[in-house]
PDB file of N, CA and C in Angstrom:
ATOM      1  N   MET A   1     108.559  87.437 110.656  1.00  0.00           N
ATOM      2  CA  MET A   1     108.105  88.707 109.963  1.00  0.00           C
ATOM      3  C   MET A   1     108.300  89.926 110.625  1.00  0.00           C
ATOM      4  N   PRO A   2     108.703  90.926 110.291  1.00  0.00           N
ATOM      5  CA  PRO A   2     109.084  92.051 111.105  1.00  0.00           C
ATOM      6  C   PRO A   2     107.772  93.026 111.155  1.00  0.00           C
ATOM      7  N   VAL A   3     107.583  93.578 112.611  1.00  0.00           N
ATOM      8  CA  VAL A   3     106.654  94.388 112.716  1.00  0.00           C
ATOM      9  C   VAL A   3     106.818  95.924 112.503  1.00  0.00           C
ATOM     10  N   HIS A   4     105.910  96.407 111.887  1.00  0.00           N
ATOM     11  CA  HIS A   4     105.997  97.887 111.239  1.00  0.00           C
ATOM     12  C   HIS A   4     105.056  98.564 112.419  1.00  0.00           C
ATOM     13  N   ILE A   5     105.496  99.816 113.058  1.00  0.00           N
ATOM     14  CA  ILE A   5     104.736 100.465 113.955  1.00  0.00           C
ATOM     15  C   ILE A   5     105.150 101.880 113.535  1.00  0.00           C
ATOM     16  N   GLU A   6     103.819 102.569 113.325  1.00  0.00           N
ATOM     17  CA  GLU A   6     103.777 104.101 112.983  1.00  0.00           C
ATOM     18  C   GLU A   6     102.812 105.005 113.798  1.00  0.00           C
ATOM     19  N   ILE A   7     103.115 106.004 113.991  1.00  0.00           N
ATOM     20  CA  ILE A   7     102.071 106.779 114.476  1.00  0.00           C
ATOM     21  C   ILE A   7     101.266 107.653 113.326  1.00  0.00           C
ATOM     22  N   ILE A   8     100.079 107.130 113.425  1.00  0.00           N
ATOM     23  CA  ILE A   8      99.726 107.864 112.023  1.00  0.00           C
ATOM     24  C   ILE A   8      98.611 109.029 112.106  1.00  0.00           C
ATOM     25  N   ASP A   9      98.514 109.382 113.419  1.00  0.00           N
ATOM     26  CA  ASP A   9      97.526 110.430 113.663  1.00  0.00           C
ATOM     27  C   ASP A   9      97.512 110.968 115.192  1.00  0.00           C
ATOM     28  N   CYS A  10      97.543 112.136 115.545  1.00  0.00           N
ATOM     29  CA  CYS A  10      97.588 112.629 116.948  1.00  0.00           C
ATOM     30  C   CYS A  10      96.245 113.885 117.092  1.00  0.00           C
ATOM     31  N   THR A  11      95.700 113.222 117.924  1.00  0.00           N
ATOM     32  CA  THR A  11      94.562 114.176 118.526  1.00  0.00           C
ATOM     33  C   THR A  11      94.672 114.861 119.778  1.00  0.00           C
ATOM     34  N   GLU A  12      93.821 115.516 120.254  1.00  0.00           N
ATOM     35  CA  GLU A  12      94.028 116.101 121.384  1.00  0.00           C
ATOM     36  C   GLU A  12      93.658 115.052 122.562  1.00  0.00           C
ATOM     37  N   ASP A  13      92.781 114.032 122.210  1.00  0.00           N
ATOM     38  CA  ASP A  13      92.785 112.863 123.166  1.00  0.00           C
ATOM     39  C   ASP A  13      93.377 111.558 122.863  1.00  0.00           C
ATOM     40  N   TYR A  14      93.726 111.606 121.580  1.00  0.00           N
ATOM     41  CA  TYR A  14      94.296 110.193 121.489  1.00  0.00           C
ATOM     42  C   TYR A  14      95.355 110.380 120.312  1.00  0.00           C
ATOM     43  N   ASP A  15      96.435 109.185 120.717  1.00  0.00           N
ATOM     44  CA  ASP A  15      97.303 108.960 119.435  1.00  0.00           C
ATOM     45  C   ASP A  15      96.901 107.693 118.573  1.00  0.00           C
ATOM     46  N   HIS A  16      96.790 107.824 117.292  1.00  0.00           N
ATOM     47  CA  HIS A  16      96.516 106.569 116.512  1.00  0.00           C
ATOM     48  C   HIS A  16      97.734 105.842 115.946  1.00  0.00           C
ATOM     49  N   ILE A  17      97.848 104.679 116.195  1.00  0.00           N
ATOM     50  CA  ILE A  17      99.139 104.098 116.064  1.00  0.00           C
ATOM     51  C   ILE A  17      98.654 102.719 115.187  1.00  0.00           C
ATOM     52  N   SER A  18      99.468 102.752 113.938  1.00  0.00           N
ATOM     53  CA  SER A  18      99.612 101.264 113.175  1.00  0.00           C
ATOM     54  C   SER A  18     100.453 100.256 113.446  1.00  0.00           C
ATOM     55  N   LEU A  19     100.128  99.226 113.539  1.00  0.00           N
ATOM     56  CA  LEU A  19     101.001  98.226 113.777  1.00  0.00           C
ATOM     57  C   LEU A  19     100.635  97.010 112.743  1.00  0.00           C
ATOM     58  N   ALA A  20     101.726  96.559 111.985  1.00  0.00           N
ATOM     59  CA  ALA A  20     101.493  95.750 110.592  1.00  0.00           C
ATOM     60  C   ALA A  20     102.474  94.714 110.530  1.00  0.00           C
ATOM     61  N   HIS A  21     102.034  93.728 109.947  1.00  0.00           N
ATOM     62  CA  HIS A  21     103.181  92.805 109.190  1.00  0.00           C
ATOM     63  C   HIS A  21     102.943  92.964 107.780  1.00  0.00           C
ATOM     64  N   TYR A  22     104.132  92.971 106.837  1.00  0.00           N
ATOM     65  CA  TYR A  22     103.693  93.191 105.502  1.00  0.00           C
ATOM     66  C   TYR A  22     104.480  91.955 104.652  1.00  0.00           C
ATOM     67  N   GLY A  23     103.792  91.591 103.659  1.00  0.00           N
ATOM     68  CA  GLY A  23     104.202  90.367 102.891  1.00  0.00           C
ATOM     69  C   GLY A  23     104.512  91.103 101.552  1.00  0.00           C
ATOM     70  N   GLN A  24     104.556  90.189 100.694  1.00  0.00           N
ATOM     71  CA  GLN A  24     104.595  90.780  99.009  1.00  0.00           C
ATOM     72  C   GLN A  24     103.805  89.862  98.231  1.00  0.00           C
ATOM     73  N   GLN A  25     103.155  90.510  97.279  1.00  0.00           N
ATOM     74  CA  GLN A  25     102.525  89.681  96.229  1.00  0.00           C
ATOM     75  C   GLN A  25     102.491  90.353  95.140  1.00  0.00           C
ATOM     76  N   ASN A  26     103.158  89.697  93.752  1.00  0.00           N
ATOM     77  CA  ASN A  26     103.318  90.412  92.758  1.00  0.00           C
ATOM     78  C   ASN A  26     104.113  91.894  92.849  1.00  0.00           C
ATOM     79  N   GLY A  27     104.784  91.747  93.628  1.00  0.00           N
ATOM     80  CA  GLY A  27     105.638  93.136  93.817  1.00  0.00           C
ATOM     81  C   GLY A  27     105.050  94.129  94.840  1.00  0.00           C
ATOM     82  N   ASP A  28     103.874  93.757  95.269  1.00  0.00           N
ATOM     83  CA  ASP A  28     103.021  94.735  95.989  1.00  0.00           C
ATOM     84  C   ASP A  28     103.099  94.456  97.513  1.00  0.00           C
ATOM     85  N   ALA A  29     103.327  95.531  98.322  1.00  0.00           N
ATOM     86  CA  ALA A  29     103.409  95.275  99.617  1.00  0.00           C
ATOM     87  C   ALA A  29     101.691  94.976 100.205  1.00  0.00           C
ATOM     88  N   MET A  30     101.756  93.858 100.883  1.00  0.00           N
ATOM     89  CA  MET A  30     100.314  93.349 101.260  1.00  0.00           C
ATOM     90  C   MET A  30     100.395  93.325 102.840  1.00  0.00           C
ATOM     91  N   ARG A  31      99.463  93.783 103.797  1.00  0.00           N
ATOM     92  CA  ARG A  31      99.337  93.890 104.940  1.00  0.00           C
ATOM     93  C   ARG A  31      98.777  92.489 105.367  1.00  0.00           C
ATOM     94  N   ASP A  32      99.462  91.996 106.231  1.00  0.00           N
ATOM     95  CA  ASP A  32      99.291  90.686 106.920  1.00  0.00           C
ATOM     96  C   ASP A  32      99.320  90.450 108.314  1.00  0.00           C
ATOM     97  N   PRO A  33      98.447  91.225 109.238  1.00  0.00           N
ATOM     98  CA  PRO A  33      97.597  92.124 108.749  1.00  0.00           C
ATOM     99  C   PRO A  33      98.119  93.462 109.447  1.00  0.00           C
ATOM    100  N   GLU A  34      97.122  94.569 109.325  1.00  0.00           N
ATOM    101  CA  GLU A  34      97.543  95.674 109.916  1.00  0.00           C
ATOM    102  C   GLU A  34      96.267  96.018 110.925  1.00  0.00           C
ATOM    103  N   MET A  35      96.478  96.530 112.124  1.00  0.00           N
ATOM    104  CA  MET A  35      95.688  97.055 113.075  1.00  0.00           C
ATOM    105  C   MET A  35      96.004  98.478 113.441  1.00  0.00           C
ATOM    106  N   ILE A  36      94.960  99.188 113.581  1.00  0.00           N
ATOM    107  CA  ILE A  36      94.999 100.526 114.281  1.00  0.00           C
ATOM    108  C   ILE A  36      94.612 100.660 115.662  1.00  0.00           C
ATOM    109  N   PHE A  37      95.467 101.108 116.326  1.00  0.00           N
ATOM    110  CA  PHE A  37      95.163 101.422 117.845  1.00  0.00           C
ATOM    111  C   PHE A  37      94.642 102.626 118.097  1.00  0.00           C
ATOM    112  N   ALA A  38      93.971 103.077 118.974  1.00  0.00           N
ATOM    113  CA  ALA A  38      93.917 104.427 119.625  1.00  0.00           C
ATOM    114  C   ALA A  38      94.394 104.479 120.897  1.00  0.00           C
ATOM    115  N   LEU A  39      95.389 105.349 121.498  1.00  0.00           N
ATOM    116  CA  LEU A  39      95.973 105.154 122.808  1.00  0.00           C
ATOM    117  C   LEU A  39      95.282 106.573 123.249  1.00  0.00           C
ATOM    118  N   HIS A  40      94.281 106.285 124.277  1.00  0.00           N
ATOM    119  CA  HIS A  40      93.874 107.398 124.924  1.00  0.00           C
ATOM    120  C   HIS A  40      95.011 108.143 125.914  1.00  0.00           C
ATOM    121  N   LYS A  41      95.423 109.112 125.393  1.00  0.00           N
ATOM    122  CA  LYS A  41      96.319 109.870 126.288  1.00  0.00           C
ATOM    123  C   LYS A  41      96.205 109.877 127.798  1.00  0.00           C
ATOM    124  N   GLU A  42      94.943 110.269 128.555  1.00  0.00           N
ATOM    125  CA  GLU A  42      94.799 110.566 129.737  1.00  0.00           C
ATOM    126  C   GLU A  42      94.818 109.257 130.363  1.00  0.00           C
ATOM    127  N   SER A  43      94.167 108.063 130.151  1.00  0.00           N
ATOM    128  CA  SER A  43      93.940 106.666 130.753  1.00  0.00           C
ATOM    129  C   SER A  43      95.073 105.772 130.207  1.00  0.00           C
ATOM    130  N   GLN A  44      95.836 106.194 129.122  1.00  0.00           N
ATOM    131  CA  GLN A  44      96.724 105.169 128.931  1.00  0.00           C
ATOM    132  C   GLN A  44      96.312 104.001 128.290  1.00  0.00           C
ATOM    133  N   GLN A  45      94.864 103.815 127.788  1.00  0.00           N
ATOM    134  CA  GLN A  45      94.244 102.613 127.370  1.00  0.00           C
ATOM    135  C   GLN A  45      94.384 102.726 125.700  1.00  0.00           C
ATOM    136  N   PHE A  46      94.774 101.486 125.449  1.00  0.00           N
ATOM    137  CA  PHE A  46      94.625 101.249 123.831  1.00  0.00           C
ATOM    138  C   PHE A  46      93.168 100.499 123.540  1.00  0.00           C
ATOM    139  N   VAL A  47      92.848 101.014 122.374  1.00  0.00           N
ATOM    140  CA  VAL A  47      91.760 100.613 121.859  1.00  0.00           C
ATOM    141  C   VAL A  47      91.891  99.870 120.404  1.00  0.00           C
ATOM    142  N   PRO A  48      91.771  98.703 120.020  1.00  0.00           N
ATOM    143  CA  PRO A  48      92.145  98.455 118.902  1.00  0.00           C
ATOM    144  C   PRO A  48      90.570  98.735 118.011  1.00  0.00           C
ATOM    145  N   TYR A  49      90.816  99.255 116.773  1.00  0.00           N
ATOM    146  CA  TYR A  49      89.641  99.720 116.180  1.00  0.00           C
ATOM    147  C   TYR A  49      89.414  99.457 114.512  1.00  0.00           C
ATOM    148  N   TYR A  50      90.575  99.013 114.045  1.00  0.00           N
ATOM    149  CA  TYR A  50      90.877  98.753 112.609  1.00  0.00           C
ATOM    150  C   TYR A  50      91.747  97.531 112.400  1.00  0.00           C
ATOM    151  N   TYR A  51      91.216  96.672 111.445  1.00  0.00           N
ATOM    152  CA  TYR A  51      91.861  95.376 110.875  1.00  0.00           C
ATOM    153  C   TYR A  51      91.658  95.662 109.574  1.00  0.00           C
ATOM    154  N   ARG A  52      92.973  95.129 109.067  1.00  0.00           N
ATOM    155  CA  ARG A  52      93.038  94.955 107.740  1.00  0.00           C
ATOM    156  C   ARG A  52      93.918  93.725 107.202  1.00  0.00           C
ATOM    157  N   ASN A  53      93.391  93.066 106.225  1.00  0.00           N
ATOM    158  CA  ASN A  53      94.336  91.987 105.676  1.00  0.00           C
ATOM    159  C   ASN A  53      94.089  91.767 104.178  1.00  0.00           C
ATOM    160  N   ASP A  54      95.214  92.152 103.480  1.00  0.00           N
ATOM    161  CA  ASP A  54      95.023  92.428 102.295  1.00  0.00           C
ATOM    162  C   ASP A  54      95.007  91.093 101.516  1.00  0.00           C
ATOM    163  N   TYR A  55      95.519  90.041 101.854  1.00  0.00           N
ATOM    164  CA  TYR A  55      95.483  88.536 101.290  1.00  0.00           C
ATOM    165  C   TYR A  55      93.882  88.365 101.411  1.00  0.00           C
ATOM    166  N   MET A  56      93.235  88.484 102.376  1.00  0.00           N
ATOM    167  CA  MET A  56      91.894  88.239 102.486  1.00  0.00           C
ATOM    168  C   MET A  56      90.864  89.012 101.913  1.00  0.00           C
ATOM    169  N   GLY A  57      91.299  90.503 101.362  1.00  0.00           N
ATOM    170  CA  GLY A  57      90.543  91.431 101.103  1.00  0.00           C
ATOM    171  C   GLY A  57      89.398  91.658 101.957  1.00  0.00           C
ATOM    172  N   MET A  58      89.935  91.980 103.554  1.00  0.00           N
ATOM    173  CA  MET A  58      89.198  92.282 104.460  1.00  0.00           C
ATOM    174  C   MET A  58      89.583  93.491 105.205  1.00  0.00           C
ATOM    175  N   GLU A  59      88.609  94.598 105.209  1.00  0.00           N
ATOM    176  CA  GLU A  59      88.932  95.720 106.052  1.00  0.00           C
ATOM    177  C   GLU A  59      87.868  96.234 106.840  1.00  0.00           C
ATOM    178  N   GLN A  60      88.042  96.258 108.258  1.00  0.00           N
ATOM    179  CA  GLN A  60      86.885  96.304 109.096  1.00  0.00           C
ATOM    180  C   GLN A  60      87.343  97.692 110.072  1.00  0.00           C
ATOM    181  N   TYR A  61      86.256  98.575 110.452  1.00  0.00           N
ATOM    182  CA  TYR A  61      86.388  99.391 111.441  1.00  0.00           C
ATOM    183  C   TYR A  61      85.365  99.256 112.477  1.00  0.00           C
ATOM    184  N   SER A  62      85.743  99.325 113.598  1.00  0.00           N
ATOM    185  CA  SER A  62      85.068  98.744 114.860  1.00  0.00           C
ATOM    186  C   SER A  62      84.372 100.100 115.744  1.00  0.00           C
ATOM    187  N   VAL A  63      85.473 101.093 115.288  1.00  0.00           N
ATOM    188  CA  VAL A  63      84.965 102.461 116.025  1.00  0.00           C
ATOM    189  C   VAL A  63      85.427 103.620 114.969  1.00  0.00           C
ATOM    190  N   ARG A  64      84.421 104.537 114.882  1.00  0.00           N
ATOM    191  CA  ARG A  64      84.609 105.617 113.966  1.00  0.00           C
ATOM    192  C   ARG A  64      84.336 106.883 114.851  1.00  0.00           C
ATOM    193  N   TRP A  65      85.272 107.979 114.685  1.00  0.00           N
ATOM    194  CA  TRP A  65      85.182 109.346 115.441  1.00  0.00           C
ATOM    195  C   TRP A  65      84.534 109.946 114.157  1.00  0.00           C
ATOM    196  N   THR A  66      83.389 110.621 114.396  1.00  0.00           N
ATOM    197  CA  THR A  66      82.460 111.517 113.813  1.00  0.00           C
ATOM    198  C   THR A  66      82.315 112.895 114.384  1.00  0.00           C
ATOM    199  N   GLU A  67      81.876 113.935 113.763  1.00  0.00           N
ATOM    200  CA  GLU A  67      81.191 114.923 114.060  1.00  0.00           C
ATOM    201  C   GLU A  67      80.379 115.093 115.324  1.00  0.00           C
ATOM    202  N   GLU A  68      79.313 113.932 115.132  1.00  0.00           N
ATOM    203  CA  GLU A  68      78.371 113.490 116.010  1.00  0.00           C
ATOM    204  C   GLU A  68      78.758 112.857 117.259  1.00  0.00           C
ATOM    205  N   GLY A  69      79.906 112.386 117.274  1.00  0.00           N
ATOM    206  CA  GLY A  69      80.538 111.458 118.425  1.00  0.00           C
ATOM    207  C   GLY A  69      81.164 110.375 118.227  1.00  0.00           C
ATOM    208  N   VAL A  70      81.308 109.206 118.893  1.00  0.00           N
ATOM    209  CA  VAL A  70      82.002 108.011 118.529  1.00  0.00           C
ATOM    210  C   VAL A  70      81.144 106.963 118.173  1.00  0.00           C
ATOM    211  N   LEU A  71      81.285 106.226 117.163  1.00  0.00           N
ATOM    212  CA  LEU A  71      80.105 105.486 116.490  1.00  0.00           C
ATOM    213  C   LEU A  71      80.912 103.970 116.898  1.00  0.00           C
ATOM    214  N   LEU A  72      80.299 103.346 117.850  1.00  0.00           N
ATOM    215  CA  LEU A  72      80.961 101.889 117.965  1.00  0.00           C
ATOM    216  C   LEU A  72      80.060 100.691 117.889  1.00  0.00           C
ATOM    217  N   ASN A  73      80.512  99.715 117.345  1.00  0.00           N
ATOM    218  CA  ASN A  73      80.188  98.327 116.657  1.00  0.00           C
ATOM    219  C   ASN A  73      80.633  97.404 118.036  1.00  0.00           C
ATOM    220  N   ARG A  74      79.989  97.214 118.864  1.00  0.00           N
ATOM    221  CA  ARG A  74      80.308  96.605 120.220  1.00  0.00           C
ATOM    222  C   ARG A  74      80.987  94.855 119.804  1.00  0.00           C
ATOM    223  N   ARG A  75      80.010  94.296 119.084  1.00  0.00           N
ATOM    224  CA  ARG A  75      80.816  92.952 118.589  1.00  0.00           C
ATOM    225  C   ARG A  75      81.746  92.994 118.158  1.00  0.00           C
ATOM    226  N   LEU A  76      82.042  93.828 116.868  1.00  0.00           N
ATOM    227  CA  LEU A  76      83.443  93.800 115.998  1.00  0.00           C
ATOM    228  C   LEU A  76      84.359  94.268 116.920  1.00  0.00           C
ATOM    229  N   GLN A  77      84.231  95.270 117.933  1.00  0.00           N
ATOM    230  CA  GLN A  77      85.347  95.661 118.521  1.00  0.00           C
ATOM    231  C   GLN A  77      85.867  94.737 119.434  1.00  0.00           C
ATOM    232  N   ALA A  78      84.899  94.058 120.263  1.00  0.00           N
ATOM    233  CA  ALA A  78      85.443  92.838 121.031  1.00  0.00           C
ATOM    234  C   ALA A  78      86.161  91.801 120.429  1.00  0.00           C
ATOM    235  N   GLU A  79      85.691  91.524 118.958  1.00  0.00           N
ATOM    236  CA  GLU A  79      86.625  90.477 118.115  1.00  0.00           C
ATOM    237  C   GLU A  79      87.865  91.167 117.947  1.00  0.00           C
ATOM    238  N   HIS A  80      88.040  92.441 117.744  1.00  0.00           N
ATOM    239  CA  HIS A  80      89.500  93.254 117.276  1.00  0.00           C
ATOM    240  C   HIS A  80      90.164  93.191 118.538  1.00  0.00           C
ATOM    241  N   THR A  81      89.442  93.404 119.747  1.00  0.00           N
ATOM    242  CA  THR A  81      90.482  93.353 121.049  1.00  0.00           C
ATOM    243  C   THR A  81      90.939  91.632 121.064  1.00  0.00           C
ATOM    244  N   THR A  82      90.192  90.799 120.995  1.00  0.00           N
ATOM    245  CA  THR A  82      90.630  89.438 121.318  1.00  0.00           C
ATOM    246  C   THR A  82      91.490  89.123 120.188  1.00  0.00           C
ATOM    247  N   PHE A  83      91.453  89.483 118.956  1.00  0.00           N
ATOM    248  CA  PHE A  83      92.511  89.232 118.127  1.00  0.00           C
ATOM    249  C   PHE A  83      93.614  89.860 118.411  1.00  0.00           C
ATOM    250  N   ALA A  84      93.819  91.034 118.681  1.00  0.00           N
ATOM    251  CA  ALA A  84      94.923  92.121 118.926  1.00  0.00           C
ATOM    252  C   ALA A  84      95.524  91.461 120.075  1.00  0.00           C
ATOM    253  N   ASN A  85      94.829  91.023 121.290  1.00  0.00           N
ATOM    254  CA  ASN A  85      95.403  90.359 122.533  1.00  0.00           C
ATOM    255  C   ASN A  85      96.364  89.157 122.338  1.00  0.00           C
ATOM    256  N   GLN A  86      95.867  88.376 121.304  1.00  0.00           N
ATOM    257  CA  GLN A  86      96.308  87.064 120.910  1.00  0.00           C
ATOM    258  C   GLN A  86      97.803  87.517 119.976  1.00  0.00           C
ATOM    259  N   TRP A  87      97.328  88.352 119.071  1.00  0.00           N
ATOM    260  CA  TRP A  87      98.425  88.793 117.929  1.00  0.00           C
ATOM    261  C   TRP A  87      99.717  89.413 118.783  1.00  0.00           C
ATOM    262  N   LEU A  88      99.365  90.312 119.878  1.00  0.00           N
ATOM    263  CA  LEU A  88     100.453  90.875 120.545  1.00  0.00           C
ATOM    264  C   LEU A  88     101.303  89.834 121.370  1.00  0.00           C
ATOM    265  N   ARG A  89     100.425  88.997 121.964  1.00  0.00           N
ATOM    266  CA  ARG A  89     100.986  87.849 122.597  1.00  0.00           C
ATOM    267  C   ARG A  89     102.200  87.170 121.698  1.00  0.00           C
ATOM    268  N   ASN A  90     101.788  86.594 120.512  1.00  0.00           N
ATOM    269  CA  ASN A  90     102.392  85.883 119.603  1.00  0.00           C
ATOM    270  C   ASN A  90     103.802  86.958 118.988  1.00  0.00           C
ATOM    271  N   ILE A  91     103.631  88.280 118.781  1.00  0.00           N
ATOM    272  CA  ILE A  91     104.865  89.180 118.447  1.00  0.00           C
ATOM    273  C   ILE A  91     105.671  88.940 119.567  1.00  0.00           C
ATOM    274  N   ALA A  92     105.113  89.392 120.765  1.00  0.00           N
ATOM    275  CA  ALA A  92     106.157  89.151 121.935  1.00  0.00           C
ATOM    276  C   ALA A  92     107.039  88.042 122.199  1.00  0.00           C
ATOM    277  N   ALA A  93     106.356  86.852 121.861  1.00  0.00           N
ATOM    278  CA  ALA A  93     106.965  85.443 121.960  1.00  0.00           C
ATOM    279  C   ALA A  93     107.983  85.638 120.946  1.00  0.00           C
ATOM    280  N   GLN A  94     107.714  85.856 119.881  1.00  0.00           N
ATOM    281  CA  GLN A  94     108.555  85.674 118.431  1.00  0.00           C
ATOM    282  C   GLN A  94     109.685  86.772 118.690  1.00  0.00           C
ATOM    283  N   GLN A  95     109.510  87.780 119.651  1.00  0.00           N
ATOM    284  CA  GLN A  95     110.695  88.529 119.460  1.00  0.00           C
ATOM    285  C   GLN A  95     111.469  88.351 120.871  1.00  0.00           C
ATOM    286  N   GLY A  96     110.998  87.110 121.811  1.00  0.00           N
ATOM    287  CA  GLY A  96     111.774  86.960 122.673  1.00  0.00           C
ATOM    288  C   GLY A  96     111.358  87.635 123.935  1.00  0.00           C
ATOM    289  N   ILE A  97     110.418  88.516 123.857  1.00  0.00           N
ATOM    290  CA  ILE A  97     110.029  89.204 125.060  1.00  0.00           C
ATOM    291  C   ILE A  97     109.326  88.751 126.283  1.00  0.00           C
ATOM    292  N   LEU A  98     108.581  87.599 125.823  1.00  0.00           N
ATOM    293  CA  LEU A  98     107.905  86.611 127.011  1.00  0.00           C
ATOM    294  C   LEU A  98     108.827  85.740 127.417  1.00  0.00           C
TER     295      LEU A  98
END
Protein backbone atom coordinates (compact mmCIF):
# COMPACT_ATOMS: atom_id res chain seq x y z
CA MET A 1 0.00 0.00 0.00
CA PRO A 2 1.51 3.38 -0.95
CA VAL A 3 2.59 5.78 1.79
CA HIS A 4 1.44 9.39 1.51
CA ILE A 5 3.54 12.11 3.19
CA GLU A 6 2.41 15.71 3.50
CA ILE A 7 3.73 18.70 5.41
CA ILE A 8 0.50 20.10 6.80
CA ASP A 9 1.69 22.98 9.00
CA CYS A 10 4.86 24.86 9.84
CA THR A 11 5.28 26.94 12.96
CA GLU A 12 8.28 28.71 14.42
CA ASP A 13 9.36 25.61 16.37
CA TYR A 14 7.69 22.66 14.58
CA ASP A 15 6.86 21.17 11.21
CA HIS A 16 3.75 18.98 11.32
CA ILE A 17 3.91 16.03 8.95
CA SER A 18 1.11 13.64 8.01
CA LEU A 19 1.98 10.05 7.11
CA ALA A 20 -0.87 7.88 5.86
CA HIS A 21 -1.99 4.75 4.06
CA TYR A 22 -5.30 5.11 2.23
CA GLY A 23 -7.80 2.46 1.32
CA GLN A 24 -11.19 2.87 -0.28
CA GLN A 25 -14.68 2.02 0.90
CA ASN A 26 -17.81 2.80 -1.12
CA GLY A 27 -15.74 5.20 -3.25
CA ASP A 28 -14.47 7.16 -0.23
CA ALA A 29 -10.80 7.51 0.73
CA MET A 30 -10.23 5.87 4.11
CA ARG A 31 -7.17 6.49 6.31
CA ASP A 32 -5.68 3.16 7.34
CA PRO A 33 -4.05 4.73 9.38
CA GLU A 34 -2.90 8.33 9.38
CA MET A 35 -0.43 9.63 11.93
CA ILE A 36 0.74 13.19 12.37
CA PHE A 37 4.23 13.88 13.66
CA ALA A 38 5.64 17.13 15.00
CA LEU A 39 9.26 17.62 13.97
CA HIS A 40 11.00 19.93 16.42
CA LYS A 41 13.18 22.10 14.21
CA GLU A 42 15.98 22.63 16.71
CA SER A 43 16.35 19.12 18.16
CA GLN A 44 15.22 17.30 14.97
CA GLN A 45 13.09 15.06 17.20
CA PHE A 46 9.87 13.56 15.78
CA VAL A 47 6.90 13.37 18.15
CA PRO A 48 3.87 11.33 17.00
CA TYR A 49 0.75 12.96 18.41
CA TYR A 50 -2.25 12.09 16.22
CA TYR A 51 -3.67 8.75 15.12
CA ARG A 52 -6.70 8.12 12.91
CA ASN A 53 -8.09 4.94 11.40
CA ASP A 54 -11.31 5.49 9.47
CA TYR A 55 -12.14 1.79 9.27
CA MET A 56 -12.13 1.60 13.07
CA GLY A 57 -13.79 5.00 13.58
CA MET A 58 -10.85 6.01 15.77
CA GLU A 59 -9.26 9.45 16.16
CA GLN A 60 -6.81 10.28 18.97
CA TYR A 61 -4.68 13.28 19.94
CA SER A 62 -1.97 12.66 22.52
CA VAL A 63 -0.54 16.20 22.35
CA ARG A 64 -2.35 19.49 21.76
CA TRP A 65 -0.80 22.91 21.38
CA THR A 66 -2.96 25.63 22.97
CA GLU A 67 -2.66 29.29 23.92
CA GLU A 68 -1.94 28.09 27.48
CA GLY A 69 0.84 25.75 26.38
CA VAL A 70 1.23 22.09 25.48
CA LEU A 71 -1.29 19.56 26.80
CA LEU A 72 0.16 16.05 26.94
CA ASN A 73 -1.52 12.70 27.55
CA ARG A 74 1.62 10.73 28.49
CA ARG A 75 0.04 7.26 28.32
CA LEU A 76 -1.52 7.85 24.91
CA GLN A 77 1.62 9.55 23.58
CA ALA A 78 3.65 6.49 24.63
CA GLU A 79 1.16 4.27 22.75
CA HIS A 80 1.45 6.50 19.68
CA THR A 81 5.25 6.31 19.85
CA THR A 82 5.24 2.50 20.17
CA PHE A 83 2.82 2.14 17.25
CA ALA A 84 4.71 4.67 15.09
CA ASN A 85 8.05 2.91 15.65
CA GLN A 86 6.61 -0.46 14.58
CA TRP A 87 4.68 1.04 11.66
CA LEU A 88 7.76 2.89 10.36
CA ARG A 89 9.84 -0.32 10.62
CA ASN A 90 7.15 -2.17 8.64
CA ILE A 91 7.05 0.56 5.97
CA ALA A 92 10.85 0.51 5.69
CA ALA A 93 10.86 -3.28 5.33
CA GLN A 94 8.12 -3.19 2.68
CA GLN A 95 10.00 -0.51 0.74
CA GLY A 96 13.23 -2.55 0.90
CA ILE A 97 14.98 0.07 3.04
CA LEU A 98 15.87 -2.35 5.86
